[in-house]
Amino acid sequence: MLNVARLRILRELHLRGTLAAVAEALTYTPSAVSQQLSQLEREAGVPLLERVGRGVRPTDAALTLVGHTDVILTQLEAAEADLAASQPTVQGVLRVALFQSVVLELAPATLTLLGERHPALQVEIIQRDEDLASSGMMAQEFDVVLGEEFPGRPHPIRPDVHREDLLRDSVMLA
């Protein structure tokens, strides 16, 4: 049987491109990432990686698994959401990535409101650059990313990500 944690590592390799980037994102060593992917190859019974120079690239079989992994992770997330919805209180950990200007503007009031309405909810705030935060959300490192966007420079929106505009500020130049 295929291991979901290892499938997630393969998906990260597809998204990030290098073993080193996967290791950094998942806080593993590159050697551990490589070992997990080798084990996944044994579980799958087919080659999943091919050497390209000093790096590796996913094979067609690996890309097929990545597609299934996206579905599996979505289903697991839905199962967790259903379980959470059946509980009488909101609890657990909410992992939020944002950067400094957003922290200063939104975090104090939001944390106060969450504390009043959902005292069993633990909120972890991590300050990240928006690009790193978005890729971290794809890796399920974060549940929510709060960022900013400027006129004429929209961020691409992935179809599997829900986006909500929270507020609009005027941009003034002096």
N, C-alpha and C. Protein backbone atom coordinates (compact mmCIF):
# COMPACT_ATOMS: atom_id res chain seq x y z
N MET A 1 0.84 -1.17 0.00
CA MET A 1 0.00 0.00 0.00
C MET A 1 0.89 1.25 0.00
N LEU A 2 0.46 2.26 -0.70
CA LEU A 2 1.21 3.51 -0.79
C LEU A 2 1.02 4.33 0.49
N ASN A 3 2.08 4.96 0.92
CA ASN A 3 2.09 5.76 2.14
C ASN A 3 1.76 7.21 1.80
N VAL A 4 0.75 7.76 2.46
CA VAL A 4 0.29 9.13 2.16
C VAL A 4 1.38 10.16 2.43
N ALA A 5 2.13 10.00 3.51
CA ALA A 5 3.20 10.96 3.82
C ALA A 5 4.24 10.97 2.71
N ARG A 6 4.57 9.80 2.18
CA ARG A 6 5.54 9.74 1.08
C ARG A 6 4.96 10.31 -0.21
N LEU A 7 3.68 10.07 -0.44
CA LEU A 7 3.03 10.68 -1.61
C LEU A 7 3.09 12.20 -1.53
N ARG A 8 2.91 12.73 -0.33
CA ARG A 8 2.99 14.18 -0.13
C ARG A 8 4.40 14.69 -0.48
N ILE A 9 5.42 13.93 -0.13
CA ILE A 9 6.80 14.32 -0.46
C ILE A 9 6.99 14.33 -1.97
N LEU A 10 6.45 13.33 -2.66
CA LEU A 10 6.54 13.29 -4.12
C LEU A 10 5.83 14.50 -4.73
N ARG A 11 4.67 14.83 -4.19
CA ARG A 11 3.92 16.00 -4.67
C ARG A 11 4.74 17.27 -4.46
N GLU A 12 5.38 17.37 -3.31
CA GLU A 12 6.23 18.54 -3.04
C GLU A 12 7.38 18.63 -4.03
N LEU A 13 7.96 17.50 -4.37
CA LEU A 13 9.04 17.51 -5.36
C LEU A 13 8.52 18.03 -6.69
N HIS A 14 7.35 17.62 -7.07
CA HIS A 14 6.75 18.11 -8.32
C HIS A 14 6.52 19.62 -8.25
N LEU A 15 6.04 20.11 -7.10
CA LEU A 15 5.76 21.54 -6.95
C LEU A 15 7.03 22.38 -6.84
N ARG A 16 8.03 21.89 -6.11
CA ARG A 16 9.20 22.69 -5.77
C ARG A 16 10.41 22.45 -6.67
N GLY A 17 10.50 21.27 -7.27
CA GLY A 17 11.54 21.03 -8.27
C GLY A 17 12.84 20.40 -7.81
N THR A 18 13.21 20.57 -6.54
CA THR A 18 14.47 20.00 -6.07
C THR A 18 14.29 19.31 -4.72
N LEU A 19 15.15 18.33 -4.47
CA LEU A 19 15.13 17.64 -3.18
C LEU A 19 15.44 18.61 -2.05
N ALA A 20 16.37 19.53 -2.30
CA ALA A 20 16.74 20.51 -1.27
C ALA A 20 15.56 21.41 -0.92
N ALA A 21 14.80 21.84 -1.91
CA ALA A 21 13.64 22.70 -1.65
C ALA A 21 12.56 21.94 -0.88
N VAL A 22 12.37 20.67 -1.22
CA VAL A 22 11.39 19.84 -0.50
C VAL A 22 11.84 19.68 0.95
N ALA A 23 13.12 19.38 1.13
CA ALA A 23 13.66 19.19 2.48
C ALA A 23 13.46 20.45 3.32
N GLU A 24 13.74 21.59 2.75
CA GLU A 24 13.58 22.85 3.48
C GLU A 24 12.12 23.10 3.83
N ALA A 25 11.22 22.87 2.87
CA ALA A 25 9.80 23.14 3.10
C ALA A 25 9.21 22.21 4.16
N LEU A 26 9.67 20.97 4.18
CA LEU A 26 9.09 19.99 5.11
C LEU A 26 9.95 19.77 6.35
N THR A 27 11.00 20.54 6.47
CA THR A 27 11.95 20.46 7.58
C THR A 27 12.52 19.06 7.77
N TYR A 28 12.93 18.47 6.64
CA TYR A 28 13.66 17.21 6.60
C TYR A 28 15.06 17.51 6.10
N THR A 29 15.92 16.51 6.14
CA THR A 29 17.20 16.63 5.46
C THR A 29 16.99 16.15 4.03
N PRO A 30 17.83 16.61 3.09
CA PRO A 30 17.71 16.09 1.71
C PRO A 30 17.86 14.57 1.67
N SER A 31 18.72 14.04 2.52
CA SER A 31 18.91 12.59 2.58
C SER A 31 17.62 11.88 3.00
N ALA A 32 16.92 12.42 3.97
CA ALA A 32 15.66 11.83 4.42
C ALA A 32 14.61 11.87 3.31
N VAL A 33 14.55 12.98 2.58
CA VAL A 33 13.62 13.10 1.46
C VAL A 33 13.94 12.03 0.42
N SER A 34 15.20 11.90 0.09
CA SER A 34 15.63 10.91 -0.89
C SER A 34 15.27 9.49 -0.43
N GLN A 35 15.51 9.19 0.83
CA GLN A 35 15.18 7.86 1.36
C GLN A 35 13.68 7.59 1.30
N GLN A 36 12.87 8.59 1.64
CA GLN A 36 11.42 8.41 1.59
C GLN A 36 10.93 8.19 0.17
N LEU A 37 11.52 8.90 -0.78
CA LEU A 37 11.13 8.72 -2.18
C LEU A 37 11.58 7.36 -2.71
N SER A 38 12.73 6.88 -2.27
CA SER A 38 13.20 5.54 -2.65
C SER A 38 12.24 4.48 -2.10
N GLN A 39 11.79 4.67 -0.87
CA GLN A 39 10.83 3.74 -0.27
C GLN A 39 9.52 3.77 -1.04
N LEU A 40 9.08 4.95 -1.45
CA LEU A 40 7.85 5.07 -2.23
C LEU A 40 7.99 4.34 -3.56
N GLU A 41 9.16 4.44 -4.18
CA GLU A 41 9.40 3.70 -5.43
C GLU A 41 9.24 2.19 -5.20
N ARG A 42 9.78 1.70 -4.08
CA ARG A 42 9.64 0.27 -3.77
C ARG A 42 8.17 -0.09 -3.56
N GLU A 43 7.43 0.77 -2.86
CA GLU A 43 6.01 0.53 -2.64
C GLU A 43 5.23 0.53 -3.95
N ALA A 44 5.58 1.45 -4.84
CA ALA A 44 4.87 1.59 -6.11
C ALA A 44 5.27 0.50 -7.11
N GLY A 45 6.50 0.03 -7.01
CA GLY A 45 6.96 -1.01 -7.92
C GLY A 45 7.35 -0.50 -9.30
N VAL A 46 7.46 0.81 -9.44
CA VAL A 46 7.86 1.42 -10.71
C VAL A 46 8.81 2.58 -10.43
N PRO A 47 9.70 2.90 -11.37
CA PRO A 47 10.57 4.07 -11.17
C PRO A 47 9.74 5.36 -11.12
N LEU A 48 10.02 6.18 -10.12
CA LEU A 48 9.30 7.44 -9.96
C LEU A 48 10.17 8.65 -10.25
N LEU A 49 11.50 8.45 -10.23
CA LEU A 49 12.42 9.56 -10.45
C LEU A 49 13.46 9.16 -11.48
N GLU A 50 13.85 10.15 -12.28
CA GLU A 50 14.96 9.93 -13.21
C GLU A 50 16.00 11.01 -12.97
N ARG A 51 17.24 10.63 -13.06
CA ARG A 51 18.34 11.58 -12.85
C ARG A 51 18.44 12.54 -14.01
N VAL A 52 18.63 13.80 -13.68
CA VAL A 52 18.85 14.85 -14.68
C VAL A 52 19.98 15.70 -14.14
N GLY A 53 21.16 15.54 -14.69
CA GLY A 53 22.33 16.25 -14.16
C GLY A 53 22.56 15.83 -12.73
N ARG A 54 22.59 16.81 -11.83
CA ARG A 54 22.79 16.52 -10.40
C ARG A 54 21.48 16.39 -9.65
N GLY A 55 20.37 16.58 -10.36
CA GLY A 55 19.06 16.52 -9.72
C GLY A 55 18.24 15.34 -10.20
N VAL A 56 16.96 15.38 -9.86
CA VAL A 56 16.02 14.35 -10.29
C VAL A 56 14.77 15.01 -10.85
N ARG A 57 14.06 14.23 -11.64
CA ARG A 57 12.81 14.70 -12.24
C ARG A 57 11.78 13.57 -12.11
N PRO A 58 10.54 13.90 -11.78
CA PRO A 58 9.50 12.86 -11.69
C PRO A 58 9.25 12.21 -13.05
N THR A 59 9.05 10.91 -13.05
CA THR A 59 8.70 10.18 -14.27
C THR A 59 7.22 10.37 -14.55
N ASP A 60 6.76 9.84 -15.69
CA ASP A 60 5.33 9.90 -16.00
C ASP A 60 4.50 9.18 -14.95
N ALA A 61 5.02 8.05 -14.45
CA ALA A 61 4.32 7.32 -13.39
C ALA A 61 4.21 8.18 -12.13
N ALA A 62 5.26 8.91 -11.83
CA ALA A 62 5.24 9.79 -10.65
C ALA A 62 4.20 10.88 -10.83
N LEU A 63 4.11 11.44 -12.02
CA LEU A 63 3.12 12.50 -12.27
C LEU A 63 1.70 11.96 -12.14
N THR A 64 1.50 10.71 -12.54
CA THR A 64 0.20 10.07 -12.34
C THR A 64 -0.12 9.98 -10.84
N LEU A 65 0.87 9.57 -10.06
CA LEU A 65 0.68 9.50 -8.60
C LEU A 65 0.42 10.87 -8.00
N VAL A 66 1.10 11.89 -8.49
CA VAL A 66 0.89 13.26 -7.98
C VAL A 66 -0.57 13.67 -8.19
N GLY A 67 -1.13 13.36 -9.36
CA GLY A 67 -2.53 13.67 -9.62
C GLY A 67 -3.46 12.98 -8.63
N HIS A 68 -3.18 11.71 -8.34
CA HIS A 68 -3.98 10.99 -7.35
C HIS A 68 -3.75 11.55 -5.95
N THR A 69 -2.53 11.97 -5.67
CA THR A 69 -2.21 12.52 -4.35
C THR A 69 -3.02 13.78 -4.09
N ASP A 70 -3.17 14.62 -5.10
CA ASP A 70 -3.99 15.83 -4.93
C ASP A 70 -5.41 15.45 -4.51
N VAL A 71 -5.98 14.43 -5.15
CA VAL A 71 -7.34 13.98 -4.82
C VAL A 71 -7.37 13.39 -3.41
N ILE A 72 -6.38 12.57 -3.08
CA ILE A 72 -6.31 11.93 -1.75
C ILE A 72 -6.23 12.99 -0.65
N LEU A 73 -5.34 13.97 -0.83
CA LEU A 73 -5.18 15.00 0.19
C LEU A 73 -6.44 15.85 0.33
N THR A 74 -7.11 16.11 -0.78
CA THR A 74 -8.36 16.86 -0.74
C THR A 74 -9.42 16.07 0.03
N GLN A 75 -9.49 14.77 -0.20
CA GLN A 75 -10.45 13.92 0.51
C GLN A 75 -10.13 13.84 2.00
N LEU A 76 -8.86 13.72 2.34
CA LEU A 76 -8.47 13.70 3.74
C LEU A 76 -8.84 15.01 4.43
N GLU A 77 -8.61 16.11 3.74
CA GLU A 77 -8.96 17.42 4.30
C GLU A 77 -10.48 17.53 4.51
N ALA A 78 -11.25 17.01 3.55
CA ALA A 78 -12.71 17.03 3.68
C ALA A 78 -13.16 16.16 4.86
N ALA A 79 -12.51 15.00 5.03
CA ALA A 79 -12.85 14.13 6.17
C ALA A 79 -12.55 14.83 7.48
N GLU A 80 -11.40 15.49 7.57
CA GLU A 80 -11.05 16.22 8.79
C GLU A 80 -12.04 17.36 9.04
N ALA A 81 -12.45 18.04 7.98
CA ALA A 81 -13.42 19.14 8.13
C ALA A 81 -14.76 18.62 8.61
N ASP A 82 -15.19 17.46 8.08
CA ASP A 82 -16.46 16.87 8.52
C ASP A 82 -16.40 16.48 9.99
N LEU A 83 -15.28 15.90 10.41
CA LEU A 83 -15.13 15.55 11.82
C LEU A 83 -15.15 16.79 12.70
N ALA A 84 -14.44 17.82 12.27
CA ALA A 84 -14.40 19.06 13.04
C ALA A 84 -15.78 19.69 13.13
N ALA A 85 -16.54 19.63 12.04
CA ALA A 85 -17.87 20.23 12.02
C ALA A 85 -18.84 19.50 12.95
N SER A 86 -18.55 18.23 13.24
CA SER A 86 -19.43 17.46 14.11
C SER A 86 -19.17 17.74 15.59
N GLN A 87 -18.13 18.48 15.90
CA GLN A 87 -17.79 18.80 17.29
C GLN A 87 -18.59 20.02 17.77
N PRO A 88 -18.91 20.05 19.05
CA PRO A 88 -19.71 21.18 19.56
C PRO A 88 -18.92 22.50 19.64
N THR A 89 -17.59 22.42 19.67
CA THR A 89 -16.78 23.64 19.73
C THR A 89 -15.72 23.61 18.64
N VAL A 90 -15.31 24.78 18.23
CA VAL A 90 -14.20 24.89 17.28
C VAL A 90 -12.92 24.74 18.08
N GLN A 91 -12.10 23.78 17.69
CA GLN A 91 -10.86 23.53 18.42
C GLN A 91 -9.78 23.07 17.46
N GLY A 92 -8.58 22.96 17.97
CA GLY A 92 -7.45 22.53 17.14
C GLY A 92 -6.50 23.68 16.91
N VAL A 93 -5.71 23.54 15.86
CA VAL A 93 -4.70 24.54 15.54
C VAL A 93 -5.00 25.13 14.16
N LEU A 94 -5.02 26.45 14.09
CA LEU A 94 -5.16 27.17 12.84
C LEU A 94 -3.81 27.80 12.54
N ARG A 95 -3.19 27.38 11.43
CA ARG A 95 -1.86 27.88 11.06
C ARG A 95 -2.02 28.96 10.00
N VAL A 96 -1.60 30.17 10.35
CA VAL A 96 -1.79 31.33 9.48
C VAL A 96 -0.43 31.90 9.10
N ALA A 97 -0.24 32.10 7.80
CA ALA A 97 0.97 32.76 7.31
C ALA A 97 0.60 34.16 6.82
N LEU A 98 1.42 35.12 7.18
CA LEU A 98 1.18 36.49 6.73
C LEU A 98 2.47 37.29 6.83
N PHE A 99 2.45 38.50 6.31
CA PHE A 99 3.63 39.33 6.50
C PHE A 99 3.31 40.56 7.31
N GLN A 100 4.38 41.28 7.67
CA GLN A 100 4.32 42.27 8.73
C GLN A 100 3.19 43.28 8.59
N SER A 101 3.00 43.83 7.41
CA SER A 101 1.96 44.86 7.29
C SER A 101 0.58 44.28 7.60
N VAL A 102 0.36 43.03 7.24
CA VAL A 102 -0.92 42.39 7.52
C VAL A 102 -1.04 42.09 9.01
N VAL A 103 0.06 41.66 9.63
CA VAL A 103 0.06 41.39 11.07
C VAL A 103 -0.38 42.63 11.83
N LEU A 104 0.23 43.75 11.51
CA LEU A 104 -0.05 44.98 12.23
C LEU A 104 -1.49 45.45 12.04
N GLU A 105 -2.03 45.24 10.85
CA GLU A 105 -3.36 45.75 10.54
C GLU A 105 -4.48 44.83 11.02
N LEU A 106 -4.34 43.53 10.82
CA LEU A 106 -5.46 42.62 11.06
C LEU A 106 -5.34 41.73 12.29
N ALA A 107 -4.15 41.34 12.66
CA ALA A 107 -3.99 40.31 13.68
C ALA A 107 -4.56 40.67 15.06
N PRO A 108 -4.31 41.85 15.62
CA PRO A 108 -4.79 42.09 16.98
C PRO A 108 -6.31 41.93 17.14
N ALA A 109 -7.07 42.56 16.28
CA ALA A 109 -8.53 42.48 16.40
C ALA A 109 -9.03 41.07 16.08
N THR A 110 -8.42 40.44 15.08
CA THR A 110 -8.84 39.10 14.69
C THR A 110 -8.56 38.09 15.80
N LEU A 111 -7.38 38.16 16.41
CA LEU A 111 -7.05 37.24 17.49
C LEU A 111 -7.95 37.45 18.71
N THR A 112 -8.27 38.68 19.00
CA THR A 112 -9.17 38.98 20.11
C THR A 112 -10.55 38.36 19.84
N LEU A 113 -11.08 38.56 18.64
CA LEU A 113 -12.38 38.02 18.28
C LEU A 113 -12.38 36.49 18.31
N LEU A 114 -11.35 35.87 17.75
CA LEU A 114 -11.26 34.41 17.77
C LEU A 114 -11.17 33.88 19.19
N GLY A 115 -10.42 34.56 20.04
CA GLY A 115 -10.30 34.14 21.44
C GLY A 115 -11.62 34.20 22.17
N GLU A 116 -12.44 35.21 21.85
CA GLU A 116 -13.76 35.34 22.49
C GLU A 116 -14.73 34.29 21.98
N ARG A 117 -14.75 34.08 20.67
CA ARG A 117 -15.73 33.17 20.07
C ARG A 117 -15.32 31.70 20.13
N HIS A 118 -14.02 31.43 20.05
CA HIS A 118 -13.53 30.04 19.97
C HIS A 118 -12.32 29.86 20.89
N PRO A 119 -12.52 29.85 22.20
CA PRO A 119 -11.40 29.79 23.13
C PRO A 119 -10.55 28.51 23.03
N ALA A 120 -11.10 27.44 22.48
CA ALA A 120 -10.34 26.19 22.36
C ALA A 120 -9.50 26.14 21.09
N LEU A 121 -9.59 27.17 20.26
CA LEU A 121 -8.81 27.23 19.02
C LEU A 121 -7.45 27.86 19.30
N GLN A 122 -6.42 27.17 18.88
CA GLN A 122 -5.06 27.70 19.01
C GLN A 122 -4.64 28.25 17.65
N VAL A 123 -4.18 29.48 17.62
CA VAL A 123 -3.78 30.12 16.37
C VAL A 123 -2.26 30.28 16.36
N GLU A 124 -1.64 29.75 15.33
CA GLU A 124 -0.20 29.92 15.14
C GLU A 124 0.01 30.87 13.98
N ILE A 125 0.72 31.96 14.23
CA ILE A 125 0.99 32.95 13.19
C ILE A 125 2.47 32.87 12.83
N ILE A 126 2.72 32.73 11.55
CA ILE A 126 4.09 32.67 11.05
C ILE A 126 4.23 33.77 10.01
N GLN A 127 5.25 34.59 10.16
CA GLN A 127 5.49 35.65 9.18
C GLN A 127 6.26 35.07 8.02
N ARG A 128 5.73 35.19 6.81
CA ARG A 128 6.36 34.65 5.61
C ARG A 128 6.18 35.60 4.44
N ASP A 129 7.13 35.56 3.52
CA ASP A 129 6.97 36.22 2.24
C ASP A 129 5.79 35.56 1.54
N GLU A 130 5.04 36.32 0.78
CA GLU A 130 3.80 35.79 0.21
C GLU A 130 4.03 34.60 -0.71
N ASP A 131 5.09 34.61 -1.52
CA ASP A 131 5.35 33.46 -2.40
C ASP A 131 5.63 32.20 -1.59
N LEU A 132 6.46 32.32 -0.55
CA LEU A 132 6.75 31.17 0.31
C LEU A 132 5.51 30.72 1.06
N ALA A 133 4.69 31.67 1.48
CA ALA A 133 3.47 31.33 2.20
C ALA A 133 2.51 30.58 1.29
N SER A 134 2.37 31.01 0.06
CA SER A 134 1.46 30.34 -0.87
C SER A 134 1.92 28.92 -1.17
N SER A 135 3.21 28.74 -1.38
CA SER A 135 3.69 27.38 -1.62
C SER A 135 3.57 26.56 -0.35
N GLY A 136 3.71 27.19 0.81
CA GLY A 136 3.51 26.50 2.08
C GLY A 136 2.07 26.05 2.27
N MET A 137 1.14 26.83 1.76
CA MET A 137 -0.26 26.43 1.85
C MET A 137 -0.51 25.22 0.95
N MET A 138 0.11 25.22 -0.23
CA MET A 138 -0.03 24.07 -1.12
C MET A 138 0.55 22.81 -0.48
N ALA A 139 1.56 22.98 0.36
CA ALA A 139 2.18 21.86 1.06
C ALA A 139 1.44 21.54 2.35
N GLN A 140 0.35 22.23 2.60
CA GLN A 140 -0.46 22.08 3.80
C GLN A 140 0.32 22.42 5.07
N GLU A 141 1.30 23.31 4.92
CA GLU A 141 2.03 23.83 6.06
C GLU A 141 1.20 24.91 6.76
N PHE A 142 0.33 25.58 5.98
CA PHE A 142 -0.53 26.64 6.51
C PHE A 142 -1.97 26.37 6.10
N ASP A 143 -2.89 26.82 6.93
CA ASP A 143 -4.31 26.71 6.62
C ASP A 143 -4.82 27.96 5.91
N VAL A 144 -4.25 29.10 6.28
CA VAL A 144 -4.68 30.38 5.73
C VAL A 144 -3.44 31.22 5.43
N VAL A 145 -3.48 31.92 4.31
CA VAL A 145 -2.42 32.87 3.97
C VAL A 145 -3.08 34.23 3.81
N LEU A 146 -2.61 35.21 4.56
CA LEU A 146 -3.09 36.57 4.41
C LEU A 146 -2.01 37.37 3.72
N GLY A 147 -2.35 37.92 2.58
CA GLY A 147 -1.35 38.65 1.81
C GLY A 147 -1.93 39.94 1.28
N GLU A 148 -1.15 40.58 0.45
CA GLU A 148 -1.61 41.82 -0.16
C GLU A 148 -1.31 41.77 -1.65
N GLU A 149 -2.09 42.53 -2.39
CA GLU A 149 -1.95 42.56 -3.84
C GLU A 149 -2.10 44.01 -4.28
N PHE A 150 -1.28 44.40 -5.22
CA PHE A 150 -1.29 45.77 -5.69
C PHE A 150 -1.93 45.86 -7.07
N PRO A 151 -2.56 46.99 -7.40
CA PRO A 151 -3.19 47.15 -8.71
C PRO A 151 -2.18 46.89 -9.83
N GLY A 152 -2.64 46.15 -10.82
CA GLY A 152 -1.79 45.85 -11.96
C GLY A 152 -0.82 44.70 -11.73
N ARG A 153 -0.80 44.15 -10.52
CA ARG A 153 0.10 43.04 -10.20
C ARG A 153 -0.66 41.93 -9.47
N PRO A 154 -1.67 41.37 -10.13
CA PRO A 154 -2.46 40.34 -9.44
C PRO A 154 -1.66 39.05 -9.26
N HIS A 155 -1.97 38.36 -8.18
CA HIS A 155 -1.36 37.05 -7.93
C HIS A 155 -2.18 36.00 -8.66
N PRO A 156 -1.53 35.00 -9.23
CA PRO A 156 -2.30 33.93 -9.87
C PRO A 156 -3.12 33.17 -8.81
N ILE A 157 -4.31 32.79 -9.18
CA ILE A 157 -5.19 32.09 -8.25
C ILE A 157 -5.34 30.65 -8.73
N ARG A 158 -4.94 29.71 -7.88
CA ARG A 158 -5.09 28.30 -8.21
C ARG A 158 -6.56 27.92 -8.06
N PRO A 159 -7.03 27.02 -8.92
CA PRO A 159 -8.45 26.65 -8.86
C PRO A 159 -8.83 25.93 -7.57
N ASP A 160 -7.87 25.31 -6.89
CA ASP A 160 -8.19 24.56 -5.67
C ASP A 160 -8.02 25.39 -4.40
N VAL A 161 -7.86 26.70 -4.55
CA VAL A 161 -7.68 27.58 -3.40
C VAL A 161 -8.83 28.58 -3.37
N HIS A 162 -9.45 28.71 -2.20
CA HIS A 162 -10.51 29.71 -2.03
C HIS A 162 -9.87 31.04 -1.66
N ARG A 163 -10.25 32.07 -2.36
CA ARG A 163 -9.70 33.40 -2.11
C ARG A 163 -10.82 34.33 -1.69
N GLU A 164 -10.54 35.15 -0.71
CA GLU A 164 -11.51 36.11 -0.22
C GLU A 164 -10.81 37.45 -0.05
N ASP A 165 -11.33 38.49 -0.69
CA ASP A 165 -10.79 39.83 -0.49
C ASP A 165 -11.33 40.36 0.83
N LEU A 166 -10.46 40.74 1.75
CA LEU A 166 -10.88 41.20 3.07
C LEU A 166 -11.09 42.70 3.13
N LEU A 167 -10.22 43.45 2.48
CA LEU A 167 -10.39 44.90 2.47
C LEU A 167 -9.60 45.50 1.33
N ARG A 168 -9.92 46.74 1.03
CA ARG A 168 -9.22 47.48 -0.02
C ARG A 168 -8.71 48.78 0.56
N ASP A 169 -7.47 49.08 0.25
CA ASP A 169 -6.86 50.34 0.67
C ASP A 169 -6.48 51.12 -0.58
N SER A 170 -6.57 52.43 -0.48
CA SER A 170 -6.10 53.27 -1.57
C SER A 170 -4.59 53.33 -1.53
N VAL A 171 -4.00 53.36 -2.71
CA VAL A 171 -2.55 53.51 -2.82
C VAL A 171 -2.28 54.98 -3.12
N MET A 172 -1.50 55.62 -2.25
CA MET A 172 -1.20 57.03 -2.43
C MET A 172 0.30 57.20 -2.61
N LEU A 173 0.67 58.03 -3.54
CA LEU A 173 2.07 58.34 -3.77
C LEU A 173 2.32 59.80 -3.46
N ALA A 174 3.44 60.06 -2.88
CA ALA A 174 3.76 61.45 -2.55
C ALA A 174 5.04 61.85 -3.26
